[in-house]
Amino acid sequence: MGSPDNLDTILEAPFHEALEALDALMAQNGKVFLLGAGCSKCAGLPLMEELTAKVLGRDGLDVDTSDILKGIQKSFAGASGPNIEDYLSEIVDLLAIAERRAERGATDKQVSINGKKYSGQQLRESAEKIKRTISDIIECDGDKIDVAVHREFVKAVHRPMRPGKLDALACVDYLSLNYDTLLEDALALERVSFSDGLEGGVTGWWNPVVFDRDGLSSRVFKLHGSINWCEFKNDPLPRRVAGNVNVLDEGDKRILIWPASTKYRETQRDPYAQLAEYGRKALRAVPGSQKILITCGYRFGDSHINLEIDRALRESAGRLTVVAFTSDNDPQGQLKKWHGDPSITEQVLIFANRGFFHGSNKTLSNDDLLWWKFENLTRLLGGER
């Protein structure tokens, strides 16, 4: 991972005041973390743009899948930073169109991509091959995956923030947009009790009631699915099957991951709908309590996630605080909108690459602050001062 970044700039005035504000929030109950792809980079996994390039350049994709991907990529010409999740979303949206035509008995059951017609079956098979390729890429560099930073992160989040005070050890919710299992691995290695919605062990089945069990230290809501979840024929609910277990009567196990922005009807079914509802509830604070949402490794590119956070902020009556770490020099996009909205600006703390922004407080830097990097946030949460 290379030498650790020098954090002197953010440990000194005027930015140490921002860290004091972070410490005060971390000492409270009701903590929720939203983790995006940037949090997996330090472990050796690709960022979304890198994953996109690897999928597009993957040897072994069949002709249909390769042509479909190239056609979809062409349709995004001029778009800002489209990635493999956007392409996969487009494919499954087109699949929904093809299947709806077939269900209604339309004469033309195919959809056109870059001037070529494809059936629903072709689209479904290509979508599954792309998902499996994503899974293979995430898993194929197994010798390079390093869970050390995630273990330190888990220890930092779940340590008592104040000596003798156990209140900060209340259940922490993680909203994970990542397909990998780094967070779950780290929680298990650090013996932090958690539930990801599956009952059992290495082999397990979907049973969301486990999210509501007493005594949990954390809950992991994998809003986009996981590379170690699979779907059997005629059962859309996740299973987890050990790699050395061959379930012949179930046919080919499909990787159960979902693209970020798809409107495909499966996103309205379980388990996706259940996970979305749990994630929604995680952002709501009951009267007399507070919720703190800390985002890291997320570039606010998922309109569904942004909408849920926006709703939670506006409906919270001040009981939800958002702490956003961003590699942009100053607030951009969704963060810029929140920061500029007088009705909620005091509820949003933005730790940007070149400054700290909170309400009327704007503390700028001429240097890169780098507190947005997952490994550096981990150091700060662990008490480095």
Protein backbone atom coordinates (compact mmCIF):
# COMPACT_ATOMS: atom_id res chain seq x y z
CA MET A 1 0.00 0.00 0.00
CA GLY A 2 3.04 2.26 0.19
CA SER A 3 4.05 4.75 2.87
CA PRO A 4 1.27 6.27 5.00
CA ASP A 5 0.15 9.77 4.04
CA ASN A 6 1.35 12.67 6.17
CA LEU A 7 -1.65 13.97 8.10
CA ASP A 8 0.08 16.90 9.80
CA THR A 9 -1.97 19.53 7.95
CA ILE A 10 -5.32 18.23 9.15
CA LEU A 11 -4.07 17.53 12.67
CA GLU A 12 -3.19 21.19 13.19
CA ALA A 13 -5.20 24.43 13.26
CA PRO A 14 -7.58 25.25 11.73
CA PHE A 15 -8.60 21.73 10.70
CA HIS A 16 -8.24 20.09 14.08
CA GLU A 17 -11.54 21.79 14.98
CA ALA A 18 -13.24 19.79 12.23
CA LEU A 19 -11.76 16.62 13.71
CA GLU A 20 -13.07 17.59 17.12
CA ALA A 21 -16.53 17.87 15.59
CA LEU A 22 -16.07 14.41 14.07
CA ASP A 23 -14.98 13.00 17.45
CA ALA A 24 -18.07 14.46 19.12
CA LEU A 25 -20.35 12.84 16.54
CA MET A 26 -18.54 9.50 16.76
CA ALA A 27 -19.13 9.48 20.53
CA GLN A 28 -22.88 9.38 19.94
CA ASN A 29 -25.17 6.44 19.29
CA GLY A 30 -26.99 5.98 16.01
CA LYS A 31 -23.96 5.73 13.75
CA VAL A 32 -24.48 4.65 10.13
CA PHE A 33 -21.69 4.26 7.58
CA LEU A 34 -22.24 4.39 3.81
CA LEU A 35 -19.28 2.72 2.12
CA GLY A 36 -18.59 2.89 -1.60
CA ALA A 37 -16.02 1.43 -3.97
CA GLY A 38 -13.31 3.84 -2.85
CA CYS A 39 -13.12 2.01 0.47
CA SER A 40 -11.94 -1.17 -1.22
CA LYS A 41 -9.08 0.40 -3.20
CA CYS A 42 -6.61 0.13 -0.31
CA ALA A 43 -7.25 -3.62 -0.16
CA GLY A 44 -6.13 -4.08 -3.76
CA LEU A 45 -9.55 -4.07 -5.43
CA PRO A 46 -10.32 -1.88 -8.46
CA LEU A 47 -12.21 1.40 -8.39
CA MET A 48 -15.35 1.49 -10.53
CA GLU A 49 -13.61 2.99 -13.55
CA GLU A 50 -10.87 0.36 -13.26
CA LEU A 51 -13.44 -2.41 -12.91
CA THR A 52 -15.22 -1.07 -15.99
CA ALA A 53 -12.03 -1.16 -18.05
CA LYS A 54 -11.26 -4.70 -16.89
CA VAL A 55 -14.73 -5.98 -17.80
CA LEU A 56 -14.66 -4.30 -21.22
CA GLY A 57 -11.21 -5.73 -21.93
CA ARG A 58 -11.93 -9.18 -20.57
CA ASP A 59 -10.94 -12.10 -22.77
CA GLY A 60 -13.47 -14.88 -23.01
CA LEU A 61 -16.68 -12.86 -23.32
CA ASP A 62 -18.87 -14.41 -26.00
CA VAL A 63 -19.70 -12.47 -29.16
CA ASP A 64 -23.21 -11.45 -28.05
CA THR A 65 -22.07 -10.12 -24.69
CA SER A 66 -19.12 -8.28 -26.23
CA ASP A 67 -21.30 -6.72 -28.94
CA ILE A 68 -24.00 -5.74 -26.44
CA LEU A 69 -21.45 -4.09 -24.15
CA LYS A 70 -19.87 -2.19 -27.04
CA GLY A 71 -23.29 -1.07 -28.25
CA ILE A 72 -24.32 0.11 -24.80
CA GLN A 73 -21.00 1.87 -24.33
CA LYS A 74 -21.53 3.68 -27.63
CA SER A 75 -24.98 4.86 -26.50
CA PHE A 76 -23.31 6.57 -23.52
CA ALA A 77 -21.04 8.69 -25.75
CA GLY A 78 -20.68 12.15 -24.24
CA ALA A 79 -21.89 11.05 -20.79
CA SER A 80 -19.91 11.98 -17.70
CA GLY A 81 -17.98 8.98 -16.37
CA PRO A 82 -20.30 6.09 -17.29
CA ASN A 83 -19.27 2.79 -15.74
CA ILE A 84 -20.02 -0.91 -15.87
CA GLU A 85 -22.96 -0.52 -13.46
CA ASP A 86 -24.52 2.03 -15.84
CA TYR A 87 -24.04 -0.38 -18.74
CA LEU A 88 -25.47 -3.29 -16.77
CA SER A 89 -28.41 -1.12 -15.67
CA GLU A 90 -29.11 -0.32 -19.32
CA ILE A 91 -29.03 -4.00 -20.26
CA VAL A 92 -31.45 -5.08 -17.56
CA ASP A 93 -33.77 -2.18 -18.39
CA LEU A 94 -33.82 -3.36 -21.99
CA LEU A 95 -34.36 -6.90 -20.73
CA ALA A 96 -37.46 -5.69 -18.88
CA ILE A 97 -38.75 -4.17 -22.13
CA ALA A 98 -38.15 -7.39 -24.07
CA GLU A 99 -39.82 -9.52 -21.39
CA ARG A 100 -42.80 -7.21 -21.14
CA ARG A 101 -43.30 -7.45 -24.92
CA ALA A 102 -43.09 -11.23 -24.73
CA GLU A 103 -45.59 -11.37 -21.86
CA ARG A 104 -48.05 -9.21 -23.79
CA GLY A 105 -47.67 -11.29 -26.94
CA ALA A 106 -46.05 -8.58 -29.06
CA THR A 107 -44.95 -9.53 -32.55
CA ASP A 108 -41.59 -7.82 -32.07
CA LYS A 109 -40.17 -9.24 -28.85
CA GLN A 110 -36.63 -8.03 -29.44
CA VAL A 111 -34.87 -4.77 -28.60
CA SER A 112 -32.30 -2.94 -30.69
CA ILE A 113 -28.78 -2.11 -29.52
CA ASN A 114 -26.50 -0.29 -31.95
CA GLY A 115 -28.64 -1.42 -34.89
CA LYS A 116 -28.71 -5.10 -33.90
CA LYS A 117 -31.72 -6.96 -32.46
CA TYR A 118 -31.50 -9.03 -29.29
CA SER A 119 -33.99 -11.30 -27.56
CA GLY A 120 -34.75 -11.27 -23.87
CA GLN A 121 -32.90 -14.56 -23.50
CA GLN A 122 -29.76 -13.11 -25.09
CA LEU A 123 -29.90 -10.08 -22.82
CA ARG A 124 -30.44 -12.17 -19.70
CA GLU A 125 -27.53 -14.48 -20.54
CA SER A 126 -25.26 -11.52 -21.27
CA ALA A 127 -26.22 -9.79 -18.02
CA GLU A 128 -25.37 -12.95 -16.09
CA LYS A 129 -22.02 -13.28 -17.87
CA ILE A 130 -21.17 -9.68 -17.04
CA LYS A 131 -22.07 -10.25 -13.37
CA ARG A 132 -19.91 -13.36 -13.26
CA THR A 133 -17.07 -11.44 -14.90
CA ILE A 134 -17.36 -8.74 -12.23
CA SER A 135 -17.25 -11.43 -9.56
CA ASP A 136 -14.25 -13.13 -11.17
CA ILE A 137 -12.33 -9.84 -11.37
CA ILE A 138 -13.00 -9.06 -7.71
CA GLU A 139 -11.95 -12.55 -6.66
CA CYS A 140 -9.18 -13.30 -9.15
CA ASP A 141 -6.56 -11.15 -7.43
CA GLY A 142 -7.01 -12.99 -4.16
CA ASP A 143 -3.32 -12.92 -3.36
CA LYS A 144 -3.43 -9.11 -3.53
CA ILE A 145 -6.45 -8.55 -1.27
CA ASP A 146 -5.38 -7.11 2.07
CA VAL A 147 -8.03 -6.79 4.77
CA ALA A 148 -5.70 -5.07 7.26
CA VAL A 149 -7.13 -1.54 6.86
CA HIS A 150 -10.68 -2.82 7.16
CA ARG A 151 -9.76 -4.61 10.38
CA GLU A 152 -8.33 -1.37 11.78
CA PHE A 153 -11.46 0.46 10.64
CA VAL A 154 -13.71 -2.01 12.43
CA LYS A 155 -11.62 -1.76 15.61
CA ALA A 156 -11.77 2.04 15.45
CA VAL A 157 -15.53 2.20 14.92
CA HIS A 158 -16.36 -0.34 17.61
CA ARG A 159 -13.97 0.84 20.31
CA PRO A 160 -15.29 2.84 23.28
CA MET A 161 -14.84 6.52 22.39
CA ARG A 162 -14.83 7.54 26.04
CA PRO A 163 -13.14 5.49 28.79
CA GLY A 164 -15.70 3.65 30.87
CA LYS A 165 -18.58 4.56 28.55
CA LEU A 166 -20.22 1.68 26.75
CA ASP A 167 -23.02 3.68 25.10
CA ALA A 168 -20.98 4.22 21.94
CA LEU A 169 -20.83 0.45 21.50
CA ALA A 170 -24.46 0.36 20.40
CA CYS A 171 -25.26 -1.34 17.10
CA VAL A 172 -23.61 0.31 14.08
CA ASP A 173 -25.30 0.04 10.69
CA TYR A 174 -23.29 -0.28 7.48
CA LEU A 175 -24.86 0.54 4.13
CA SER A 176 -22.48 -1.13 1.71
CA LEU A 177 -22.60 -0.49 -2.03
CA ASN A 178 -19.72 -2.88 -2.64
CA TYR A 179 -19.97 -6.42 -3.99
CA ASP A 180 -16.87 -7.61 -2.12
CA THR A 181 -16.87 -9.10 1.40
CA LEU A 182 -14.06 -7.05 2.97
CA LEU A 183 -16.29 -5.50 5.62
CA GLU A 184 -17.87 -8.80 6.65
CA ASP A 185 -14.44 -10.47 6.76
CA ALA A 186 -13.06 -7.70 8.95
CA LEU A 187 -16.00 -7.78 11.35
CA ALA A 188 -15.67 -11.54 11.74
CA LEU A 189 -11.89 -11.41 12.20
CA GLU A 190 -12.32 -8.77 14.92
CA ARG A 191 -15.09 -10.83 16.56
CA VAL A 192 -17.70 -8.11 16.14
CA SER A 193 -21.15 -9.71 16.04
CA PHE A 194 -23.04 -8.77 12.89
CA SER A 195 -25.78 -9.84 10.54
CA ASP A 196 -25.87 -9.50 6.77
CA GLY A 197 -29.38 -10.95 6.43
CA LEU A 198 -28.32 -14.56 5.91
CA GLU A 199 -28.83 -17.35 8.40
CA GLY A 200 -26.23 -20.08 8.70
CA GLY A 201 -22.50 -19.87 8.13
CA VAL A 202 -20.29 -20.43 5.11
CA THR A 203 -23.41 -21.87 3.54
CA GLY A 204 -26.54 -19.93 4.43
CA TRP A 205 -29.96 -18.70 3.36
CA TRP A 206 -31.80 -15.38 3.35
CA ASN A 207 -33.64 -14.68 6.60
CA PRO A 208 -33.91 -10.92 7.23
CA VAL A 209 -35.34 -11.39 10.74
CA VAL A 210 -31.72 -11.84 11.84
CA PHE A 211 -31.31 -8.08 11.36
CA ASP A 212 -33.62 -7.56 14.33
CA ARG A 213 -31.93 -9.91 16.77
CA ASP A 214 -30.87 -8.56 20.15
CA GLY A 215 -27.22 -8.19 20.98
CA LEU A 216 -25.87 -7.38 17.51
CA SER A 217 -22.94 -4.99 17.36
CA SER A 218 -23.49 -4.23 13.69
CA ARG A 219 -25.71 -4.84 10.71
CA VAL A 220 -24.47 -4.94 7.11
CA PHE A 221 -27.00 -3.99 4.46
CA LYS A 222 -25.50 -4.89 1.09
CA LEU A 223 -27.75 -2.72 -1.04
CA HIS A 224 -26.31 -3.95 -4.34
CA GLY A 225 -25.88 -7.61 -3.40
CA SER A 226 -22.68 -9.58 -2.92
CA ILE A 227 -20.30 -11.75 -4.90
CA ASN A 228 -20.81 -14.55 -2.37
CA TRP A 229 -24.59 -14.53 -2.77
CA CYS A 230 -26.16 -16.75 -5.37
CA GLU A 231 -29.64 -17.35 -6.71
CA PHE A 232 -31.07 -20.77 -7.44
CA LYS A 233 -33.66 -21.53 -10.06
CA ASN A 234 -37.17 -20.31 -9.15
CA ASP A 235 -35.94 -18.67 -5.92
CA PRO A 236 -34.78 -15.03 -6.08
CA LEU A 237 -33.72 -14.94 -2.42
CA PRO A 238 -29.98 -15.11 -1.71
CA ARG A 239 -28.13 -18.23 -0.69
CA ARG A 240 -24.51 -18.46 0.28
CA VAL A 241 -22.88 -21.70 -0.80
CA ALA A 242 -19.33 -22.74 0.05
CA GLY A 243 -17.10 -22.82 -3.00
CA ASN A 244 -16.40 -26.54 -2.67
CA VAL A 245 -20.10 -27.47 -2.45
CA ASN A 246 -21.61 -28.63 -5.74
CA VAL A 247 -25.41 -28.36 -5.79
CA LEU A 248 -26.12 -30.29 -8.97
CA ASP A 249 -29.91 -30.29 -8.76
CA GLU A 250 -30.04 -26.50 -8.56
CA GLY A 251 -28.36 -25.89 -11.89
CA ASP A 252 -25.93 -23.03 -12.49
CA LYS A 253 -25.90 -20.70 -9.49
CA ARG A 254 -26.28 -17.07 -10.58
CA ILE A 255 -24.31 -14.33 -8.85
CA LEU A 256 -26.79 -12.15 -7.00
CA ILE A 257 -25.67 -8.57 -7.52
CA TRP A 258 -27.68 -5.64 -8.77
CA PRO A 259 -26.61 -2.66 -10.84
CA ALA A 260 -26.84 0.68 -9.11
CA SER A 261 -29.47 2.59 -11.06
CA THR A 262 -31.62 -0.01 -12.75
CA LYS A 263 -35.39 0.37 -12.83
CA TYR A 264 -35.67 -3.33 -13.55
CA ARG A 265 -38.62 -4.92 -11.78
CA GLU A 266 -36.42 -7.20 -9.68
CA THR A 267 -35.40 -4.14 -7.65
CA GLN A 268 -38.97 -4.04 -6.37
CA ARG A 269 -38.80 -7.63 -5.19
CA ASP A 270 -37.09 -9.23 -2.24
CA PRO A 271 -34.34 -9.23 -1.13
CA TYR A 272 -33.48 -5.93 -2.83
CA ALA A 273 -36.69 -4.28 -1.62
CA GLN A 274 -36.15 -5.55 1.93
CA LEU A 275 -32.59 -4.26 2.00
CA ALA A 276 -33.71 -0.89 0.65
CA GLU A 277 -36.35 -0.65 3.39
CA TYR A 278 -33.86 -1.55 6.13
CA GLY A 279 -31.44 1.03 4.72
CA ARG A 280 -34.22 3.61 4.72
CA LYS A 281 -35.06 2.88 8.35
CA ALA A 282 -31.39 3.03 9.35
CA LEU A 283 -31.38 6.73 8.41
CA ARG A 284 -34.42 7.58 10.53
CA ALA A 285 -33.99 8.72 14.12
CA VAL A 286 -36.87 8.40 16.54
CA PRO A 287 -37.78 11.51 18.55
CA GLY A 288 -35.26 12.10 21.30
CA SER A 289 -32.40 10.42 19.43
CA GLN A 290 -29.89 11.26 16.72
CA LYS A 291 -28.53 9.55 13.62
CA ILE A 292 -25.11 10.22 12.13
CA LEU A 293 -24.44 9.08 8.56
CA ILE A 294 -20.74 8.97 7.59
CA THR A 295 -20.03 8.46 3.89
CA CYS A 296 -16.67 7.34 2.53
CA GLY A 297 -15.58 6.05 -0.87
CA TYR A 298 -18.90 7.17 -2.36
CA ARG A 299 -19.08 9.84 -5.07
CA PHE A 300 -22.83 10.42 -4.82
CA GLY A 301 -23.40 8.98 -8.29
CA ASP A 302 -26.39 6.81 -7.37
CA SER A 303 -29.58 8.86 -7.66
CA HIS A 304 -31.58 6.32 -5.62
CA ILE A 305 -29.19 6.54 -2.67
CA ASN A 306 -28.99 10.33 -2.92
CA LEU A 307 -32.78 10.60 -2.90
CA GLU A 308 -33.09 8.46 0.23
CA ILE A 309 -30.48 10.54 2.06
CA ASP A 310 -32.15 13.76 0.91
CA ARG A 311 -35.55 12.59 2.16
CA ALA A 312 -34.09 11.45 5.46
CA LEU A 313 -32.38 14.82 5.97
CA ARG A 314 -35.53 16.81 5.26
CA GLU A 315 -37.82 14.59 7.33
CA SER A 316 -35.47 14.33 10.30
CA ALA A 317 -36.35 17.61 12.04
CA GLY A 318 -32.61 18.05 12.57
CA ARG A 319 -32.08 14.57 14.02
CA LEU A 320 -29.90 13.34 11.10
CA THR A 321 -26.36 14.62 10.53
CA VAL A 322 -24.47 13.71 7.35
CA VAL A 323 -20.67 13.59 7.46
CA ALA A 324 -19.35 13.30 3.90
CA PHE A 325 -15.75 12.65 2.91
CA THR A 326 -15.06 13.57 -0.71
CA SER A 327 -11.99 13.66 -2.95
CA ASP A 328 -13.35 16.76 -4.71
CA ASN A 329 -11.59 19.96 -3.66
CA ASP A 330 -14.90 21.49 -2.58
CA PRO A 331 -18.57 20.44 -2.52
CA GLN A 332 -19.80 19.32 -5.92
CA GLY A 333 -23.04 17.84 -7.25
CA GLN A 334 -25.37 16.60 -4.53
CA LEU A 335 -23.09 17.83 -1.75
CA LYS A 336 -23.06 21.32 -3.24
CA LYS A 337 -26.88 21.32 -3.27
CA TRP A 338 -27.11 20.28 0.38
CA HIS A 339 -24.43 22.71 1.47
CA GLY A 340 -26.21 25.55 -0.32
CA ASP A 341 -29.65 24.74 1.08
CA PRO A 342 -30.30 26.90 4.18
CA SER A 343 -32.86 24.42 5.51
CA ILE A 344 -30.35 21.58 5.91
CA THR A 345 -26.84 23.05 5.52
CA GLU A 346 -26.17 22.86 9.27
CA GLN A 347 -26.86 19.12 9.17
CA VAL A 348 -24.17 18.43 6.55
CA LEU A 349 -20.43 18.38 7.32
CA ILE A 350 -18.23 18.06 4.24
CA PHE A 351 -14.60 16.98 4.57
CA ALA A 352 -13.30 17.82 1.09
CA ASN A 353 -9.83 17.50 -0.38
CA ARG A 354 -9.12 21.22 -0.04
CA GLY A 355 -11.33 22.27 2.82
CA PHE A 356 -13.97 21.73 5.47
CA PHE A 357 -17.52 22.99 4.84
CA HIS A 358 -20.27 23.16 7.43
CA GLY A 359 -23.05 25.73 7.21
CA SER A 360 -21.42 29.16 7.13
CA ASN A 361 -18.07 27.67 8.15
CA LYS A 362 -15.74 27.35 5.15
CA THR A 363 -12.15 26.50 6.04
CA LEU A 364 -9.96 26.24 2.95
CA SER A 365 -6.55 24.68 2.34
CA ASN A 366 -3.89 25.16 -0.31
CA ASP A 367 -2.78 21.57 0.20
CA ASP A 368 -4.50 18.22 -0.35
CA LEU A 369 -5.98 17.16 2.97
CA LEU A 370 -6.49 13.49 2.04
CA TRP A 371 -8.79 12.75 4.98
CA TRP A 372 -11.25 11.35 2.45
CA LYS A 373 -9.07 8.28 1.81
CA PHE A 374 -10.45 5.26 3.65
CA GLU A 375 -7.11 4.34 5.18
CA ASN A 376 -6.63 7.91 6.46
CA LEU A 377 -10.18 8.13 7.84
CA THR A 378 -9.45 4.85 9.61
CA ARG A 379 -6.38 6.39 11.23
CA LEU A 380 -8.37 9.42 12.36
CA LEU A 381 -11.21 7.31 13.76
CA GLY A 382 -8.61 5.23 15.56
CA GLY A 383 -7.49 8.28 17.48
CA GLU A 384 -4.38 9.43 15.59
CA ARG A 385 -3.82 13.04 16.58
